[in-house]
Amino acid sequence: MNVNKILLAAGLSTLSLNTLAAAFQLSEHSASGLGRAFAGDAAIAENASVVARNPALMSQFSESQLSVVGTYIVPDVSLTGESAPAYSNAAALNDDSIAPEAFVPATYYVMPLDDKFALGFGLFSNFGLATDFAEDYAAGQLAGKTEIITVNFNTSVSYKINEQLTVAGGLNVVYADATITRHLGDLSNALATQGLAIPSSTTGLDLEGDDYGFGYNLGVAYDFDENSRFGFHYRSKVDITFDGTYSNQLPLIPGVFDNGQSGAVQPGTVDLELPAIAEFSASHQLGDKWGVHYSVLWTNWSSFERLEAYVPSQDEPVFEKEENFSNSFRYAIGADYQLNAKVKLRAGIAYDETPTDSQLLSISIPDTNRLWISAGANYLLDDSSSIDLGVSIIRGQDRTFTEKDDAGGEWEFNSEGHAFIVSAQYNYAF
């Protein structure tokens, strides 16, 4: 029994746990978009956050603009144990605080160069997550502390071909950092029957690494008439190789802990592909007061087939875990209403598909379909500045699944994942 391999495999697969869009994708780019559940975001040119959703819209600005965004995420993710191996019990699997609260900032800047060209910069995130189980969690070999942070440094240029059509292209530089820790859990009880006294909090995996990756983005905006605009945005995949350190506190016991390190540190690598994203949006102005918007967002999750981890001492991967994700879609529709000269109200609803394979569900990926209900507002401070506020309630479907460990034990879970999001944004034109 190579327990160490199982710990590593389970740990790394948790890169996909309980985030706020499909798998570990993030949608929280702006407060203005959040208020509409991001409906129409590739076709609406309200502020500089267009750099993230469709840089072709930069042609709509006659002066430079800066947007600063802060989004606070309050997840409500819980697991309930349905059954457990003989050396544990189902009640020990219950946990209602595995996903910590998070703050996600973003900054954007758009600068028109002339009546044809515009330049934009963005600092934001498209992927990320954080989960944290207690060190003595019963299924510690399947769950522990997992954190992945990505930052997208985006530079784009738009070109206005004519009064109706604008195109754009840009470069994405993505920095990613990951920390993964796993513990022995109640597997220590099974080992105790073999005369091995190893605490449940013993670290079975500690992996830390970071890397830079590169990609590109393309955008198109088409004004059908003065009241209708269509937009399309494509963001390429980005390949990340996490280079860092790997260690564990397990003793080297052939046949039990074949890769026990007893705290020794060695290099470790994990390859991860951040998938391509494409979005089509439309925006329609219905008179002076009302606007209606909709979007379809596609994510190329089918490229995420498996995870592999390597250490220098072995030619073969220390683990290979099948994921078999499918491409997913996110559908959104929203509206806004100009209440008066200073206040615009927003609302929207969205349905977010999970890419996970129902036959491969695990505690590390209890991902599910999600429903977004959003509302927000814009307030004009003066001719040059405004603020946006947005809130969303995300409701996920419950899922029940069974997972086996390498010792043959079966763990059955029921997962629930919901969230509350609030975002604020300041826009300044100059």
Protein backbone atom coordinates (compact mmCIF):
# COMPACT_ATOMS: atom_id res chain seq x y z
CA MET A 1 0.00 0.00 0.00
CA ASN A 2 1.60 3.24 -1.11
CA VAL A 3 -0.30 5.59 1.16
CA ASN A 4 1.89 8.53 0.18
CA LYS A 5 0.79 8.33 -3.44
CA ILE A 6 -2.83 8.38 -2.43
CA LEU A 7 -2.32 11.40 -0.21
CA LEU A 8 -0.59 13.26 -3.01
CA ALA A 9 -3.21 12.39 -5.58
CA ALA A 10 -6.11 13.39 -3.39
CA GLY A 11 -4.39 16.57 -2.33
CA LEU A 12 -3.65 17.84 -5.80
CA SER A 13 -7.08 17.05 -7.12
CA THR A 14 -8.52 19.46 -4.59
CA LEU A 15 -7.41 22.26 -6.88
CA SER A 16 -11.01 22.07 -8.06
CA LEU A 17 -12.95 22.32 -4.83
CA ASN A 18 -15.97 24.54 -4.23
CA THR A 19 -15.29 27.83 -5.92
CA LEU A 20 -17.79 30.30 -7.31
CA ALA A 21 -18.01 29.35 -10.95
CA ALA A 22 -17.55 26.03 -12.68
CA ALA A 23 -14.67 24.04 -11.11
CA PHE A 24 -12.02 26.55 -9.92
CA GLN A 25 -13.00 29.37 -12.30
CA LEU A 26 -13.69 32.89 -11.00
CA SER A 27 -16.16 35.32 -12.59
CA GLU A 28 -15.88 38.16 -10.07
CA HIS A 29 -14.26 40.81 -12.28
CA SER A 30 -16.36 43.90 -11.45
CA ALA A 31 -19.12 45.20 -9.20
CA SER A 32 -21.00 46.58 -12.20
CA GLY A 33 -21.06 43.14 -13.83
CA LEU A 34 -21.93 41.37 -10.57
CA GLY A 35 -25.12 43.45 -10.29
CA ARG A 36 -26.36 41.86 -13.56
CA ALA A 37 -24.95 38.37 -12.81
CA PHE A 38 -22.42 39.36 -15.53
CA ALA A 39 -25.11 39.30 -18.23
CA GLY A 40 -23.98 41.23 -21.31
CA ASP A 41 -20.49 41.85 -19.97
CA ALA A 42 -18.79 41.34 -23.37
CA ALA A 43 -21.07 43.98 -24.93
CA ILE A 44 -21.46 46.72 -22.27
CA ALA A 45 -18.92 49.57 -22.06
CA GLU A 46 -19.71 51.12 -18.70
CA ASN A 47 -16.23 51.36 -17.19
CA ALA A 48 -12.62 50.22 -17.52
CA SER A 49 -13.41 46.64 -16.40
CA VAL A 50 -14.08 45.91 -20.09
CA VAL A 51 -10.36 44.98 -20.17
CA ALA A 52 -11.29 41.70 -18.45
CA ARG A 53 -14.45 40.78 -20.40
CA ASN A 54 -13.93 42.30 -23.88
CA PRO A 55 -11.14 44.82 -24.62
CA ALA A 56 -12.75 45.68 -27.99
CA LEU A 57 -15.14 47.84 -25.96
CA MET A 58 -12.26 50.18 -25.10
CA SER A 59 -13.09 52.00 -28.36
CA GLN A 60 -16.23 53.35 -26.67
CA PHE A 61 -14.22 55.58 -24.31
CA SER A 62 -13.40 59.16 -25.28
CA GLU A 63 -11.16 59.74 -22.25
CA SER A 64 -8.96 57.70 -19.96
CA GLN A 65 -10.64 55.77 -17.18
CA LEU A 66 -9.51 53.95 -14.04
CA SER A 67 -11.62 51.36 -12.21
CA VAL A 68 -10.71 49.82 -8.86
CA VAL A 69 -12.71 46.83 -7.58
CA GLY A 70 -12.93 44.98 -4.29
CA THR A 71 -15.03 41.81 -3.99
CA TYR A 72 -15.71 39.94 -0.76
CA ILE A 73 -16.78 36.30 -0.98
CA VAL A 74 -18.54 34.51 1.87
CA PRO A 75 -18.86 30.81 1.00
CA ASP A 76 -21.13 28.36 2.79
CA VAL A 77 -19.71 24.96 1.88
CA SER A 78 -20.37 21.91 4.02
CA LEU A 79 -19.89 18.15 3.98
CA THR A 80 -22.04 15.58 5.76
CA GLY A 81 -20.78 12.05 6.26
CA GLU A 82 -23.14 9.31 5.13
CA SER A 83 -20.85 6.32 5.82
CA ALA A 84 -17.19 5.64 6.66
CA PRO A 85 -14.69 2.75 6.85
CA ALA A 86 -14.61 0.53 9.92
CA TYR A 87 -11.71 2.48 11.40
CA SER A 88 -13.72 5.75 11.39
CA ASN A 89 -17.35 6.87 11.61
CA ALA A 90 -19.66 8.91 9.39
CA ALA A 91 -20.27 11.67 11.97
CA ALA A 92 -16.54 12.45 12.01
CA LEU A 93 -16.80 13.54 8.36
CA ASN A 94 -19.22 16.41 9.06
CA ASP A 95 -17.65 19.81 8.40
CA ASP A 96 -19.42 23.11 7.70
CA SER A 97 -16.45 25.48 7.46
CA ILE A 98 -14.11 24.11 4.81
CA ALA A 99 -14.03 27.21 2.58
CA PRO A 100 -12.70 30.42 4.17
CA GLU A 101 -13.92 33.88 3.27
CA ALA A 102 -11.87 35.69 0.63
CA PHE A 103 -11.20 39.18 -0.71
CA VAL A 104 -10.59 39.48 -4.48
CA PRO A 105 -9.23 42.83 -5.77
CA ALA A 106 -8.98 44.03 -9.37
CA THR A 107 -7.73 47.16 -11.15
CA TYR A 108 -8.25 48.34 -14.73
CA TYR A 109 -7.06 51.27 -16.84
CA VAL A 110 -8.18 52.32 -20.33
CA MET A 111 -6.42 55.01 -22.35
CA PRO A 112 -7.65 56.16 -25.80
CA LEU A 113 -4.66 56.90 -28.05
CA ASP A 114 -6.62 58.52 -30.88
CA ASP A 115 -9.98 58.07 -32.60
CA LYS A 116 -8.96 54.54 -33.73
CA PHE A 117 -6.69 52.99 -31.11
CA ALA A 118 -7.08 52.46 -27.38
CA LEU A 119 -4.76 50.80 -24.86
CA GLY A 120 -5.82 48.96 -21.72
CA PHE A 121 -4.26 47.29 -18.69
CA GLY A 122 -5.83 44.96 -16.16
CA LEU A 123 -4.84 43.20 -12.96
CA PHE A 124 -7.40 40.53 -12.01
CA SER A 125 -7.96 36.80 -11.55
CA ASN A 126 -9.77 34.18 -13.63
CA PHE A 127 -9.03 31.15 -11.41
CA GLY A 128 -8.51 30.52 -7.71
CA LEU A 129 -9.71 28.78 -4.57
CA ALA A 130 -9.03 28.18 -0.90
CA THR A 131 -10.24 25.32 1.32
CA ASP A 132 -9.11 24.38 4.79
CA PHE A 133 -9.91 21.20 6.74
CA ALA A 134 -8.75 20.63 10.33
CA GLU A 135 -5.43 18.80 10.76
CA ASP A 136 -7.20 15.93 12.50
CA TYR A 137 -10.06 15.64 9.99
CA ALA A 138 -11.14 12.00 9.75
CA ALA A 139 -10.62 11.76 5.97
CA GLY A 140 -7.40 13.73 6.19
CA GLN A 141 -5.78 11.68 3.43
CA LEU A 142 -8.46 13.07 1.07
CA ALA A 143 -8.66 16.66 2.28
CA GLY A 144 -6.56 19.27 4.11
CA LYS A 145 -5.44 22.78 3.25
CA THR A 146 -5.54 23.81 -0.39
CA GLU A 147 -4.90 27.23 -1.83
CA ILE A 148 -4.37 28.31 -5.40
CA ILE A 149 -3.98 31.97 -6.35
CA THR A 150 -3.72 33.27 -9.91
CA VAL A 151 -3.11 36.84 -11.01
CA ASN A 152 -3.62 37.90 -14.63
CA PHE A 153 -1.51 40.80 -15.88
CA ASN A 154 -3.43 41.81 -19.02
CA THR A 155 -2.36 44.28 -21.74
CA SER A 156 -4.69 44.85 -24.71
CA VAL A 157 -4.99 47.12 -27.74
CA SER A 158 -8.22 47.85 -29.59
CA TYR A 159 -8.66 49.16 -33.14
CA LYS A 160 -11.87 50.77 -34.39
CA ILE A 161 -12.30 49.64 -38.00
CA ASN A 162 -15.40 51.76 -38.58
CA GLU A 163 -18.31 53.19 -36.63
CA GLN A 164 -19.79 49.74 -36.14
CA LEU A 165 -16.88 47.31 -35.78
CA THR A 166 -13.95 47.19 -33.34
CA VAL A 167 -11.39 44.43 -32.83
CA ALA A 168 -8.86 43.92 -30.04
CA GLY A 169 -6.01 41.67 -29.01
CA GLY A 170 -3.79 41.34 -26.00
CA LEU A 171 -1.26 39.41 -23.96
CA ASN A 172 -1.96 37.63 -20.66
CA VAL A 173 0.82 37.00 -18.17
CA VAL A 174 -0.51 34.73 -15.42
CA TYR A 175 1.21 34.15 -12.10
CA ALA A 176 0.01 31.12 -10.13
CA ASP A 177 0.89 30.02 -6.60
CA ALA A 178 -0.31 26.82 -4.92
CA THR A 179 -0.06 25.35 -1.42
CA ILE A 180 -1.35 21.86 -0.65
CA THR A 181 -1.17 20.09 2.72
CA ARG A 182 -2.66 16.72 3.69
CA HIS A 183 -2.73 14.71 6.93
CA LEU A 184 -3.09 11.05 7.88
CA GLY A 185 -6.55 11.34 9.44
CA ASP A 186 -8.37 8.30 10.81
CA LEU A 187 -6.18 6.05 8.70
CA SER A 188 -3.97 6.25 11.78
CA ASN A 189 -6.54 4.05 13.56
CA ALA A 190 -6.10 1.31 10.94
CA LEU A 191 -2.34 1.57 11.19
CA ALA A 192 -2.52 1.32 14.99
CA THR A 193 -3.94 -2.19 14.63
CA GLN A 194 -0.68 -3.07 12.86
CA GLY A 195 1.38 -1.70 15.71
CA LEU A 196 2.13 1.65 14.00
CA ALA A 197 1.48 4.56 16.36
CA ILE A 198 1.29 7.57 14.02
CA PRO A 199 -0.85 10.61 15.01
CA SER A 200 -3.79 11.51 12.77
CA SER A 201 -2.38 15.05 12.32
CA THR A 202 0.85 13.72 10.76
CA THR A 203 1.54 15.55 7.50
CA GLY A 204 1.23 13.13 4.60
CA LEU A 205 1.82 15.76 1.94
CA ASP A 206 3.20 19.28 1.87
CA LEU A 207 3.55 20.72 -1.63
CA GLU A 208 4.26 24.36 -2.46
CA GLY A 209 5.03 25.83 -5.85
CA ASP A 210 4.54 28.69 -8.26
CA ASP A 211 4.99 29.54 -11.93
CA TYR A 212 4.31 32.05 -14.69
CA GLY A 213 2.33 31.23 -17.82
CA PHE A 214 1.44 33.14 -20.98
CA GLY A 215 -1.63 33.41 -23.16
CA TYR A 216 -3.54 35.81 -25.37
CA ASN A 217 -7.00 37.30 -25.70
CA LEU A 218 -9.09 38.46 -28.67
CA GLY A 219 -12.18 40.65 -28.75
CA VAL A 220 -14.80 41.88 -31.21
CA ALA A 221 -17.55 44.47 -30.68
CA TYR A 222 -20.24 45.22 -33.26
CA ASP A 223 -22.80 48.01 -32.97
CA PHE A 224 -25.86 46.78 -34.88
CA ASP A 225 -27.48 50.16 -34.37
CA GLU A 226 -27.41 52.89 -31.75
CA ASN A 227 -29.40 50.72 -29.33
CA SER A 228 -27.96 47.23 -29.85
CA ARG A 229 -24.43 45.92 -29.51
CA PHE A 230 -22.96 42.42 -29.78
CA GLY A 231 -19.64 41.34 -28.35
CA PHE A 232 -17.36 38.33 -28.43
CA HIS A 233 -14.27 37.65 -26.32
CA TYR A 234 -11.81 34.75 -26.34
CA ARG A 235 -9.13 34.10 -23.73
CA SER A 236 -6.62 31.36 -24.54
CA LYS A 237 -5.50 28.50 -22.31
CA VAL A 238 -2.47 28.99 -20.08
CA ASP A 239 -0.11 26.13 -19.16
CA ILE A 240 1.25 26.24 -15.62
CA THR A 241 4.01 24.04 -14.18
CA PHE A 242 4.14 24.42 -10.41
CA ASP A 243 7.81 24.12 -9.46
CA GLY A 244 8.44 24.00 -5.75
CA THR A 245 9.05 21.73 -2.80
CA TYR A 246 7.57 18.41 -1.74
CA SER A 247 7.80 16.74 1.68
CA ASN A 248 5.95 14.63 4.22
CA GLN A 249 6.40 13.54 7.84
CA LEU A 250 5.70 9.86 7.18
CA PRO A 251 8.36 7.32 8.13
CA LEU A 252 9.83 5.19 5.38
CA ILE A 253 8.17 1.78 5.84
CA PRO A 254 8.35 -0.46 2.73
CA GLY A 255 4.93 -1.72 1.77
CA VAL A 256 3.19 0.92 3.88
CA PHE A 257 4.85 4.29 3.27
CA ASP A 258 7.07 3.62 0.27
CA ASN A 259 7.81 7.30 -0.20
CA GLY A 260 8.07 8.32 3.44
CA GLN A 261 10.28 11.40 3.76
CA SER A 262 10.35 11.91 7.55
CA GLY A 263 10.35 15.66 6.92
CA ALA A 264 12.99 15.70 4.19
CA VAL A 265 12.32 18.23 1.42
CA GLN A 266 12.81 17.56 -2.29
CA PRO A 267 11.71 19.28 -5.51
CA GLY A 268 8.22 18.53 -6.85
CA THR A 269 6.30 19.55 -9.98
CA VAL A 270 2.66 19.52 -11.05
CA ASP A 271 1.35 20.46 -14.48
CA LEU A 272 -1.97 22.29 -14.66
CA GLU A 273 -3.75 23.79 -17.68
CA LEU A 274 -5.94 26.85 -17.11
CA PRO A 275 -8.60 26.38 -19.81
CA ALA A 276 -9.61 28.66 -22.66
CA ILE A 277 -12.72 30.84 -22.19
CA ALA A 278 -15.06 32.31 -24.83
CA GLU A 279 -18.03 34.61 -24.25
CA PHE A 280 -20.78 35.97 -26.50
CA SER A 281 -22.90 38.85 -25.22
CA ALA A 282 -25.57 41.22 -26.42
CA SER A 283 -26.88 44.50 -25.02
CA HIS A 284 -30.11 46.22 -26.07
CA GLN A 285 -31.26 49.63 -24.93
CA LEU A 286 -35.07 49.85 -24.71
CA GLY A 287 -35.77 53.55 -24.61
CA ASP A 288 -34.24 56.00 -22.14
CA LYS A 289 -34.78 53.91 -19.02
CA TRP A 290 -34.40 50.19 -19.66
CA GLY A 291 -31.58 48.01 -20.91
CA VAL A 292 -31.68 44.23 -21.45
CA HIS A 293 -28.54 42.10 -21.64
CA TYR A 294 -27.60 38.44 -22.03
CA SER A 295 -24.49 36.27 -22.27
CA VAL A 296 -23.31 32.75 -22.98
CA LEU A 297 -19.87 31.86 -21.61
CA TRP A 298 -18.04 28.67 -22.65
CA THR A 299 -15.07 27.15 -20.83
CA ASN A 300 -12.88 24.49 -22.46
CA TRP A 301 -12.70 22.19 -19.44
CA SER A 302 -12.42 19.09 -21.66
CA SER A 303 -8.68 19.79 -21.81
CA PHE A 304 -8.52 19.01 -18.07
CA GLU A 305 -8.34 15.21 -18.29
CA ARG A 306 -5.98 14.24 -15.47
CA LEU A 307 -3.51 15.51 -12.90
CA GLU A 308 0.05 14.24 -12.60
CA ALA A 309 2.79 14.96 -10.08
CA TYR A 310 6.49 14.19 -10.35
CA VAL A 311 9.52 14.05 -8.09
CA PRO A 312 13.11 13.82 -9.39
CA SER A 313 13.72 10.38 -7.87
CA GLN A 314 11.13 8.69 -10.11
CA ASP A 315 10.66 8.67 -13.88
CA GLU A 316 6.99 7.79 -13.58
CA PRO A 317 4.51 10.18 -11.97
CA VAL A 318 4.01 9.63 -8.25
CA PHE A 319 0.33 9.89 -9.01
CA GLU A 320 -2.02 10.08 -11.98
CA LYS A 321 -5.65 10.95 -11.28
CA GLU A 322 -8.33 10.96 -13.94
CA GLU A 323 -10.63 14.00 -13.92
CA ASN A 324 -12.37 13.80 -17.31
CA PHE A 325 -13.94 17.25 -17.18
CA SER A 326 -16.43 18.31 -19.85
CA ASN A 327 -16.80 21.69 -21.51
CA SER A 328 -19.24 23.84 -19.56
CA PHE A 329 -21.56 26.76 -20.27
CA ARG A 330 -22.74 29.69 -18.19
CA TYR A 331 -25.99 31.44 -19.21
CA ALA A 332 -26.94 34.87 -17.90
CA ILE A 333 -29.70 37.40 -18.50
CA GLY A 334 -30.05 40.76 -16.81
CA ALA A 335 -31.45 44.25 -17.01
CA ASP A 336 -30.80 47.76 -15.77
CA TYR A 337 -33.09 50.71 -15.10
CA GLN A 338 -32.08 54.40 -15.06
CA LEU A 339 -33.93 55.56 -11.97
CA ASN A 340 -32.81 59.18 -12.26
CA ALA A 341 -29.86 61.25 -13.45
CA LYS A 342 -27.56 59.82 -10.77
CA VAL A 343 -28.81 56.29 -10.04
CA LYS A 344 -28.96 53.19 -12.24
CA LEU A 345 -30.38 49.94 -10.84
CA ARG A 346 -29.33 46.46 -12.00
CA ALA A 347 -30.52 42.87 -11.62
CA GLY A 348 -29.69 39.53 -13.22
CA ILE A 349 -29.85 35.76 -13.03
CA ALA A 350 -27.40 33.13 -14.27
CA TYR A 351 -27.06 29.36 -14.50
CA ASP A 352 -23.55 27.94 -14.19
CA GLU A 353 -22.91 24.35 -15.32
CA THR A 354 -20.42 22.08 -13.56
CA PRO A 355 -17.79 20.38 -15.78
CA THR A 356 -17.21 17.46 -13.40
CA ASP A 357 -17.84 13.84 -14.37
CA SER A 358 -20.62 12.41 -12.17
CA GLN A 359 -18.76 9.10 -12.07
CA LEU A 360 -15.57 10.70 -10.75
CA LEU A 361 -16.88 12.87 -7.93
CA SER A 362 -14.76 13.07 -4.81
CA ILE A 363 -14.40 15.07 -1.64
CA SER A 364 -11.79 17.05 -3.52
CA ILE A 365 -14.24 18.04 -6.28
CA PRO A 366 -17.81 18.30 -4.96
CA ASP A 367 -18.53 20.77 -7.74
CA THR A 368 -22.14 21.32 -8.79
CA ASN A 369 -24.47 23.33 -11.03
CA ARG A 370 -25.14 26.79 -9.60
CA LEU A 371 -27.85 29.43 -9.78
CA TRP A 372 -26.88 33.11 -9.43
CA ILE A 373 -29.34 35.80 -8.30
CA SER A 374 -27.85 39.29 -8.43
CA ALA A 375 -28.69 42.95 -7.87
CA GLY A 376 -26.71 46.17 -7.93
CA ALA A 377 -26.60 49.89 -8.57
CA ASN A 378 -24.45 52.65 -10.01
CA TYR A 379 -24.28 56.10 -8.40
CA LEU A 380 -22.85 59.07 -10.29
CA LEU A 381 -20.76 61.14 -7.89
CA ASP A 382 -19.95 63.88 -10.42
CA ASP A 383 -19.13 64.24 -14.11
CA SER A 384 -15.87 62.31 -13.68
CA SER A 385 -16.50 59.64 -11.07
CA SER A 386 -19.00 57.02 -10.01
CA ILE A 387 -19.33 54.04 -7.71
CA ASP A 388 -20.87 50.62 -8.35
CA LEU A 389 -22.25 48.16 -5.82
CA GLY A 390 -23.23 44.57 -6.53
CA VAL A 391 -24.44 41.56 -4.53
CA SER A 392 -25.09 37.95 -5.51
CA ILE A 393 -26.52 34.89 -3.85
CA ILE A 394 -25.26 31.62 -5.33
CA ARG A 395 -27.18 28.41 -4.70
CA GLY A 396 -25.56 25.09 -5.55
CA GLN A 397 -27.23 21.70 -5.95
CA ASP A 398 -26.61 19.07 -3.27
CA ARG A 399 -24.58 16.03 -4.34
CA THR A 400 -23.99 12.64 -2.73
CA PHE A 401 -21.00 10.52 -3.73
CA THR A 402 -18.71 7.71 -2.55
CA GLU A 403 -14.92 7.76 -2.57
CA LYS A 404 -12.49 4.89 -1.93
CA ASP A 405 -9.04 5.19 -0.39
CA ASP A 406 -6.08 2.94 -1.19
CA ALA A 407 -6.73 0.79 1.87
CA GLY A 408 -10.09 -0.22 0.39
CA GLY A 409 -12.16 1.94 2.73
CA GLU A 410 -15.27 3.65 1.36
CA TRP A 411 -16.25 7.19 2.39
CA GLU A 412 -19.68 8.51 1.47
CA PHE A 413 -20.41 12.24 1.56
CA ASN A 414 -23.21 14.69 0.91
CA SER A 415 -21.95 18.13 -0.17
CA GLU A 416 -23.70 21.50 -0.15
CA GLY A 417 -22.17 24.65 -1.62
CA HIS A 418 -23.63 28.15 -1.51
CA ALA A 419 -22.14 31.63 -1.33
CA PHE A 420 -22.84 35.31 -0.79
CA ILE A 421 -20.82 37.89 -2.73
CA VAL A 422 -20.64 41.65 -2.30
CA SER A 423 -18.55 43.97 -4.46
CA ALA A 424 -17.75 47.68 -4.62
CA GLN A 425 -16.09 49.60 -7.44
CA TYR A 426 -14.82 53.14 -7.99
CA ASN A 427 -14.57 54.59 -11.50
CA TYR A 428 -12.72 57.76 -12.42
CA ALA A 429 -12.50 59.36 -15.89
CA PHE A 430 -9.85 61.96 -16.73
